[in-house]
Protein backbone atom coordinates (compact mmCIF):
# COMPACT_ATOMS: atom_id res chain seq x y z
CA GLY A 1 161.93 0.43 -48.04
CA GLU A 2 158.77 1.61 -49.72
CA GLY A 3 155.80 1.99 -47.43
CA THR A 4 152.66 -0.01 -48.10
CA SER A 5 149.18 1.46 -48.02
CA VAL A 6 147.03 0.96 -44.93
CA PRO A 7 144.46 -1.80 -45.52
CA PHE A 8 140.85 -0.69 -45.78
CA SER A 9 137.86 -2.43 -44.23
CA ASP A 10 134.49 -1.60 -45.77
CA VAL A 11 131.84 -2.24 -43.13
CA GLY A 12 129.07 -0.80 -45.27
CA ALA A 13 126.24 0.96 -43.48
CA GLU A 14 127.09 -0.69 -40.16
CA GLU A 15 129.40 0.74 -37.52
CA PRO A 16 132.75 -1.03 -37.05
CA LEU A 17 132.63 -3.69 -34.36
CA ARG A 18 133.53 -2.23 -30.96
CA CYS A 19 133.73 -3.55 -27.43
CA PRO A 20 130.49 -2.60 -25.64
CA ARG A 21 132.35 -1.99 -22.36
CA CYS A 22 135.45 0.07 -23.23
CA ARG A 23 134.46 1.04 -26.81
CA SER A 24 137.73 -0.25 -28.29
CA TYR A 25 137.60 -1.06 -32.00
CA ILE A 26 138.08 -4.64 -33.08
CA ASN A 27 141.73 -5.40 -33.86
CA SER A 28 144.08 -8.26 -34.50
CA TYR A 29 144.59 -8.80 -30.76
CA PHE A 30 140.98 -9.70 -30.05
CA LYS A 31 140.92 -13.37 -28.95
CA TRP A 32 138.58 -15.99 -30.35
CA MET A 33 136.86 -17.91 -27.52
CA ARG A 34 136.06 -21.57 -28.18
CA VAL A 35 132.56 -21.48 -26.75
CA THR A 36 129.08 -21.90 -28.17
CA PRO A 37 127.90 -19.50 -29.43
CA PRO A 38 131.34 -18.13 -30.41
CA ARG A 39 132.55 -14.97 -28.70
CA LEU A 40 135.48 -12.57 -28.91
CA LYS A 41 137.51 -11.31 -25.94
CA CYS A 42 138.58 -7.66 -25.94
CA ASN A 43 142.33 -7.21 -25.53
CA MET A 44 141.82 -3.95 -23.59
CA CYS A 45 139.33 -4.89 -20.86
CA ASP A 46 138.90 -8.72 -21.23
CA HIS A 47 135.20 -8.32 -21.89
CA SER A 48 133.65 -11.05 -24.04
CA LEU A 49 131.32 -9.93 -26.81
CA GLU A 50 129.08 -11.72 -29.24
CA VAL A 51 130.45 -12.37 -32.72
CA PRO A 52 128.27 -11.04 -35.55
CA ASP A 53 127.22 -13.49 -38.23
CA VAL A 54 129.38 -11.77 -40.85
CA PHE A 55 132.47 -12.56 -38.76
CA GLN A 56 131.45 -16.14 -38.03
CA GLU A 57 131.31 -16.89 -41.74
CA ASP A 58 134.89 -15.71 -42.28
CA MET A 59 136.51 -17.06 -39.12
CA GLU A 60 138.06 -20.47 -38.63
CA ARG A 61 137.88 -22.36 -35.38
CA ASN A 62 141.52 -21.58 -34.57
CA GLY A 63 140.76 -17.88 -34.37
CA GLN A 64 142.40 -16.89 -37.64
CA CYS A 65 140.65 -14.88 -40.32
CA ALA A 66 139.83 -17.03 -43.33
CA ASP A 67 139.79 -14.07 -45.74
CA GLU A 68 142.00 -11.11 -44.85
CA ASP A 69 140.58 -9.11 -47.75
CA ASN A 70 137.18 -8.97 -46.05
CA HIS A 71 138.41 -8.36 -42.48
CA PRO A 72 141.91 -6.86 -42.49
CA GLU A 73 141.28 -5.46 -39.00
CA LEU A 74 141.76 -9.01 -37.68
CA VAL A 75 145.11 -9.44 -39.41
CA PHE A 76 146.96 -6.12 -39.58
CA GLY A 77 148.01 -3.77 -36.80
CA SER A 78 146.65 -0.70 -38.63
CA CYS A 79 143.43 -0.50 -40.57
CA ASP A 80 141.09 2.17 -41.97
CA PHE A 81 137.32 1.77 -41.58
CA SER A 82 134.61 3.23 -43.75
CA ALA A 83 132.56 5.75 -41.77
CA PRO A 84 128.82 5.00 -41.57
CA GLY A 85 126.30 7.64 -42.53
CA ASN A 86 125.38 8.57 -38.95
CA PHE A 87 128.93 9.90 -38.39
CA ASP A 88 128.06 13.02 -40.42
CA VAL A 89 124.62 13.77 -39.00
CA ASP A 90 125.66 17.09 -37.41
CA ARG A 91 128.39 17.99 -39.91
CA PRO A 92 127.54 20.80 -42.35
CA ALA A 93 127.14 19.70 -45.94
CA GLY A 94 129.95 20.33 -48.39
CA ALA A 95 133.67 20.83 -47.96
CA ARG A 96 134.67 23.55 -45.50
CA VAL A 97 137.91 25.20 -44.48
CA PRO A 98 138.56 24.70 -40.73
CA ALA A 99 137.60 27.77 -38.72
CA VAL A 100 139.50 29.49 -35.89
CA CYS A 101 138.03 30.34 -32.48
CA LEU A 102 140.01 32.80 -30.32
CA VAL A 103 139.10 32.91 -26.62
CA VAL A 104 140.67 35.74 -24.58
CA GLU A 105 140.39 36.31 -20.84
CA THR A 106 139.59 39.95 -20.02
CA SER A 107 139.36 39.72 -16.23
CA ALA A 108 141.18 42.03 -13.83
CA GLU A 109 144.03 39.56 -13.50
CA ALA A 110 144.43 39.28 -17.28
CA ALA A 111 144.47 43.07 -17.60
CA ARG A 112 146.98 43.53 -14.77
CA SER A 113 149.33 40.91 -16.19
CA GLY A 114 149.14 42.39 -19.68
CA LEU A 115 148.37 39.02 -21.26
CA ALA A 116 145.02 40.11 -22.69
CA GLN A 117 146.51 43.25 -24.29
CA ALA A 118 149.39 41.23 -25.77
CA ALA A 119 147.02 38.61 -27.21
CA LEU A 120 144.82 41.26 -28.82
CA ALA A 121 147.87 43.04 -30.25
CA ALA A 122 149.07 39.78 -31.83
CA VAL A 123 145.68 39.16 -33.43
CA ARG A 124 145.60 42.70 -34.79
CA ALA A 125 149.05 42.19 -36.33
CA LEU A 126 147.73 39.14 -38.18
CA LEU A 127 144.65 40.93 -39.50
CA GLU A 128 146.16 44.25 -40.51
CA PRO A 129 147.39 44.48 -44.12
CA GLY A 130 151.10 43.77 -44.19
CA GLY A 131 151.17 42.92 -40.49
CA CYS A 132 152.08 39.28 -41.07
CA VAL A 133 154.07 37.69 -43.87
CA ASP A 134 151.83 34.61 -44.05
CA GLN A 135 148.50 36.31 -43.43
CA GLU A 136 147.19 35.61 -46.92
CA ALA A 137 147.83 31.89 -46.39
CA THR A 138 146.41 31.62 -42.88
CA PHE A 139 143.86 33.97 -41.32
CA VAL A 140 142.36 35.57 -44.41
CA GLN A 141 141.25 32.21 -45.76
CA ARG A 142 139.72 31.07 -42.48
CA ARG A 143 136.71 32.33 -40.59
CA VAL A 144 137.37 33.69 -37.11
CA CYS A 145 135.26 33.72 -33.95
CA PHE A 146 136.17 36.00 -31.02
CA ILE A 147 135.08 35.20 -27.45
CA THR A 148 136.05 37.04 -24.27
CA PHE A 149 135.34 35.95 -20.73
CA ASP A 150 135.56 37.18 -17.16
CA SER A 151 132.69 36.28 -14.79
CA ALA A 152 130.58 35.64 -17.92
CA VAL A 153 131.20 34.69 -21.56
CA HIS A 154 130.86 37.31 -24.32
CA PHE A 155 130.34 36.69 -28.03
CA PHE A 156 130.81 39.28 -30.77
CA ALA A 157 129.33 39.50 -34.27
CA PRO A 158 129.32 42.18 -36.99
CA THR A 159 126.19 44.18 -37.76
CA ARG A 160 124.89 45.57 -41.05
CA SER A 161 126.10 49.02 -40.04
CA GLY A 162 129.69 47.78 -40.00
CA ARG A 163 130.11 47.68 -36.23
CA MET A 164 130.38 44.86 -33.69
CA GLN A 165 127.57 43.79 -31.37
CA ALA A 166 128.10 41.88 -28.13
CA VAL A 167 125.93 39.11 -26.66
CA THR A 168 126.63 37.89 -23.12
CA MET A 169 126.06 34.32 -21.94
CA ARG A 170 125.76 34.26 -18.14
CA ASP A 171 124.73 30.64 -17.56
CA ILE A 172 128.27 29.53 -16.78
CA ASP A 173 127.11 26.29 -15.09
CA ASP A 174 125.38 25.08 -18.27
CA PRO A 175 127.03 27.02 -21.13
CA TYR A 176 125.48 27.26 -24.57
CA LEU A 177 125.90 29.16 -27.84
CA PRO A 178 123.64 32.28 -27.60
CA MET A 179 123.96 33.23 -31.29
CA SER A 180 123.83 31.53 -34.65
CA PRO A 181 127.17 29.88 -35.53
CA GLU A 182 127.17 31.63 -38.89
CA ALA A 183 126.86 35.00 -37.09
CA VAL A 184 129.78 34.62 -34.68
CA PHE A 185 132.24 33.36 -37.30
CA ILE A 186 133.55 36.26 -39.36
CA ASP A 187 135.31 36.18 -42.72
CA PRO A 188 138.29 38.58 -42.41
CA SER A 189 138.78 38.60 -46.18
CA ASP A 190 135.68 40.80 -46.42
CA ALA A 191 136.80 44.44 -46.24
CA GLN A 192 133.88 45.57 -44.06
CA ASN A 193 134.33 42.68 -41.62
CA ARG A 194 138.06 43.27 -41.44
CA THR A 195 137.57 46.98 -40.61
CA ALA A 196 135.00 46.18 -37.93
CA LEU A 197 137.29 43.60 -36.38
CA LEU A 198 140.31 45.89 -36.27
CA GLU A 199 138.33 48.76 -34.74
CA TRP A 200 136.83 46.49 -32.11
CA LEU A 201 140.21 44.98 -31.22
CA LYS A 202 141.73 48.44 -30.87
CA MET A 203 138.87 49.61 -28.64
CA LEU A 204 139.11 46.53 -26.45
CA GLN A 205 142.88 46.76 -26.14
CA ASP A 206 142.76 50.44 -25.14
CA SER A 207 140.00 49.78 -22.60
CA LEU A 208 141.97 46.97 -20.98
CA SER A 209 145.07 49.15 -20.74
CA SER A 210 143.17 52.02 -19.12
CA THR A 211 141.24 49.81 -16.67
CA ALA A 212 143.99 47.39 -15.70
CA GLY A 213 143.01 47.65 -12.05
CA ALA A 214 139.39 46.54 -12.52
CA PRO A 215 137.63 43.70 -14.38
CA PHE A 216 136.66 44.51 -17.95
CA SER A 217 134.52 42.41 -20.28
CA GLY A 218 134.16 44.73 -23.26
CA LEU A 219 130.71 45.81 -22.06
CA ASP A 220 131.43 48.66 -19.61
CA HIS A 221 130.67 46.64 -16.51
CA ALA A 222 132.58 44.66 -13.91
CA GLU A 223 131.36 41.76 -11.81
CA GLY A 224 133.93 40.68 -9.27
CA ASP A 225 136.87 38.34 -9.54
CA ASP A 226 135.14 35.22 -10.87
CA VAL A 227 136.70 33.72 -13.99
CA ALA A 228 134.50 31.43 -16.09
CA GLY A 229 137.23 29.87 -18.22
CA GLY A 230 135.57 26.44 -18.32
CA ALA A 231 132.28 27.85 -19.61
CA ALA A 232 134.11 29.81 -22.31
CA LEU A 233 135.95 26.68 -23.41
CA HIS A 234 132.73 24.65 -23.61
CA ALA A 235 130.92 27.35 -25.59
CA ALA A 236 133.84 27.76 -28.00
CA ALA A 237 134.04 24.02 -28.64
CA GLU A 238 130.29 23.92 -29.33
CA ALA A 239 130.62 26.82 -31.79
CA LEU A 240 133.39 25.04 -33.69
CA THR A 241 131.36 21.83 -33.81
CA LYS A 242 128.46 23.64 -35.47
CA VAL A 243 130.63 24.87 -38.37
CA GLY A 244 132.49 21.65 -39.06
CA GLY A 245 135.47 21.92 -36.71
CA GLY A 246 138.69 23.89 -36.61
CA ASP A 247 141.27 25.27 -34.19
CA LEU A 248 140.58 26.65 -30.72
CA VAL A 249 143.17 29.01 -29.21
CA MET A 250 142.64 30.17 -25.62
CA PHE A 251 144.54 32.93 -23.80
CA HIS A 252 144.02 32.90 -20.02
CA ALA A 253 146.01 34.40 -17.17
CA SER A 254 144.20 33.13 -14.08
CA THR A 255 142.68 29.92 -12.78
CA PRO A 256 139.03 29.30 -13.77
CA ASN A 257 137.19 29.40 -10.45
CA ALA A 258 133.52 29.74 -11.44
CA GLY A 259 131.02 27.74 -13.45
CA VAL A 260 131.59 24.44 -15.18
CA GLY A 261 135.16 23.17 -14.91
CA ALA A 262 135.97 25.43 -11.98
CA LEU A 263 139.16 24.56 -10.10
CA THR A 264 139.27 24.88 -6.32
CA PRO A 265 142.42 24.99 -4.17
CA GLN A 266 141.66 21.41 -3.07
CA LEU A 267 141.60 20.18 -6.69
CA MET A 268 144.79 22.07 -7.52
CA GLN A 269 146.72 20.49 -4.64
CA SER A 270 149.41 18.13 -5.88
CA PRO A 271 148.55 14.45 -5.31
CA CYS A 272 152.13 13.89 -4.15
CA SER A 273 151.93 16.45 -1.37
CA SER A 274 151.12 15.04 2.04
CA PRO A 275 148.79 16.80 4.49
CA PRO A 276 150.36 18.49 7.52
CA PRO A 277 150.82 16.15 10.46
CA SER A 278 148.01 16.24 12.98
CA PRO A 279 148.84 17.00 16.59
CA SER A 280 149.56 13.87 18.61
CA PRO A 281 146.90 12.97 21.21
CA MET A 282 149.63 11.83 23.63
CA ARG A 283 150.83 14.09 26.39
CA ARG A 284 154.27 15.64 26.10
CA VAL A 285 156.97 13.99 28.18
CA ALA A 286 159.70 16.08 29.69
CA SER A 287 162.83 15.87 27.58
CA SER A 288 165.12 15.90 30.63
CA PRO A 289 164.74 12.98 33.04
CA SER A 290 165.92 15.10 35.93
CA ALA A 291 163.29 17.72 35.16
CA ALA A 292 160.55 15.15 35.55
CA GLY A 293 161.98 13.79 38.79
CA MET A 294 162.52 10.35 37.26
CA ARG A 295 165.47 8.05 36.86
CA PRO A 296 166.38 7.42 33.21
CA THR A 297 165.45 3.98 31.97
CA SER A 298 166.18 2.26 28.72
CA PRO A 299 163.22 2.37 26.33
CA THR A 300 164.07 -1.10 24.99
CA SER A 301 165.19 -3.17 28.01
CA PRO A 302 162.76 -3.51 30.92
CA LYS A 303 163.92 -3.48 34.51
CA THR A 304 165.19 -6.79 35.90
CA PRO A 305 162.93 -7.88 38.77
CA LYS A 306 164.63 -8.24 42.15
CA THR A 307 165.31 -11.75 43.42
CA PRO A 308 163.20 -12.44 46.55
CA LYS A 309 165.22 -13.01 49.76
CA THR A 310 165.34 -16.51 51.23
CA PRO A 311 163.86 -16.49 54.76
CA ARG A 312 166.27 -17.43 57.54
CA ALA A 313 165.62 -20.55 59.62
CA LYS A 314 164.68 -19.92 63.29
CA LYS A 315 166.88 -21.38 66.05
CA GLY A 316 165.31 -23.96 68.32
């Protein structure tokens, strides 16, 4: 049959009613509690919350909505809410095409495995003219941000001279965006930006191939085997938030073991795996009864006690 449109609930300047404990939105499964003053029970966590005056005016004592046009969220299983003004406080003004943030690991492990070189080669194929059939409909119309990481996180932005500059963020325990969001997101449809991107990708790919046995960050230095994948992910998500959102694609070959979100061997252990048995505090017993100089006895049936002898009567 024909589908019906999703009902719309206009809450005005107020935020839609939500459970203060679990933050679930009000829905048709919230229960009306017959108490004074009236309250609603959340169907997710059983928390009781106060009923706003606007709901009390439209609710009957049996818990049914008196006017489904005003509060369809109490009648239908699906409902759209109007977003209040504070939802767009940090969103850039005007309509924007979603951006793309590419995060590539350039540690020693990523270089040895070849994953970093393969990821950079794929990106180059998308940016080069004629390298991808759908490039005009995908990458060229979307801004791109490139981030690499090893023991630190590295951002890249074009300069006025047509080259790429690198800025390193080393606070991997409390990551942040070290550059302006408008600087790190590049428009590949611009000829100068496209040329700078392709040259930088080629340089980085060649450097990774020639230094596959040592860490490489794109900055001619190496700093051990730490991999700050969690910090790179946090910084990339913050960058996308500043420009209105988009897609985040991350290429990593090793486990993030440094900074925020680091995984240790203890955290990576499967919850189903049991620890190795601890040595028993009991002493070992000889497996052969004859070796211990003992007669074998049944472990389940104890020995039957001997019947005491009856004393003989003395003759007179």
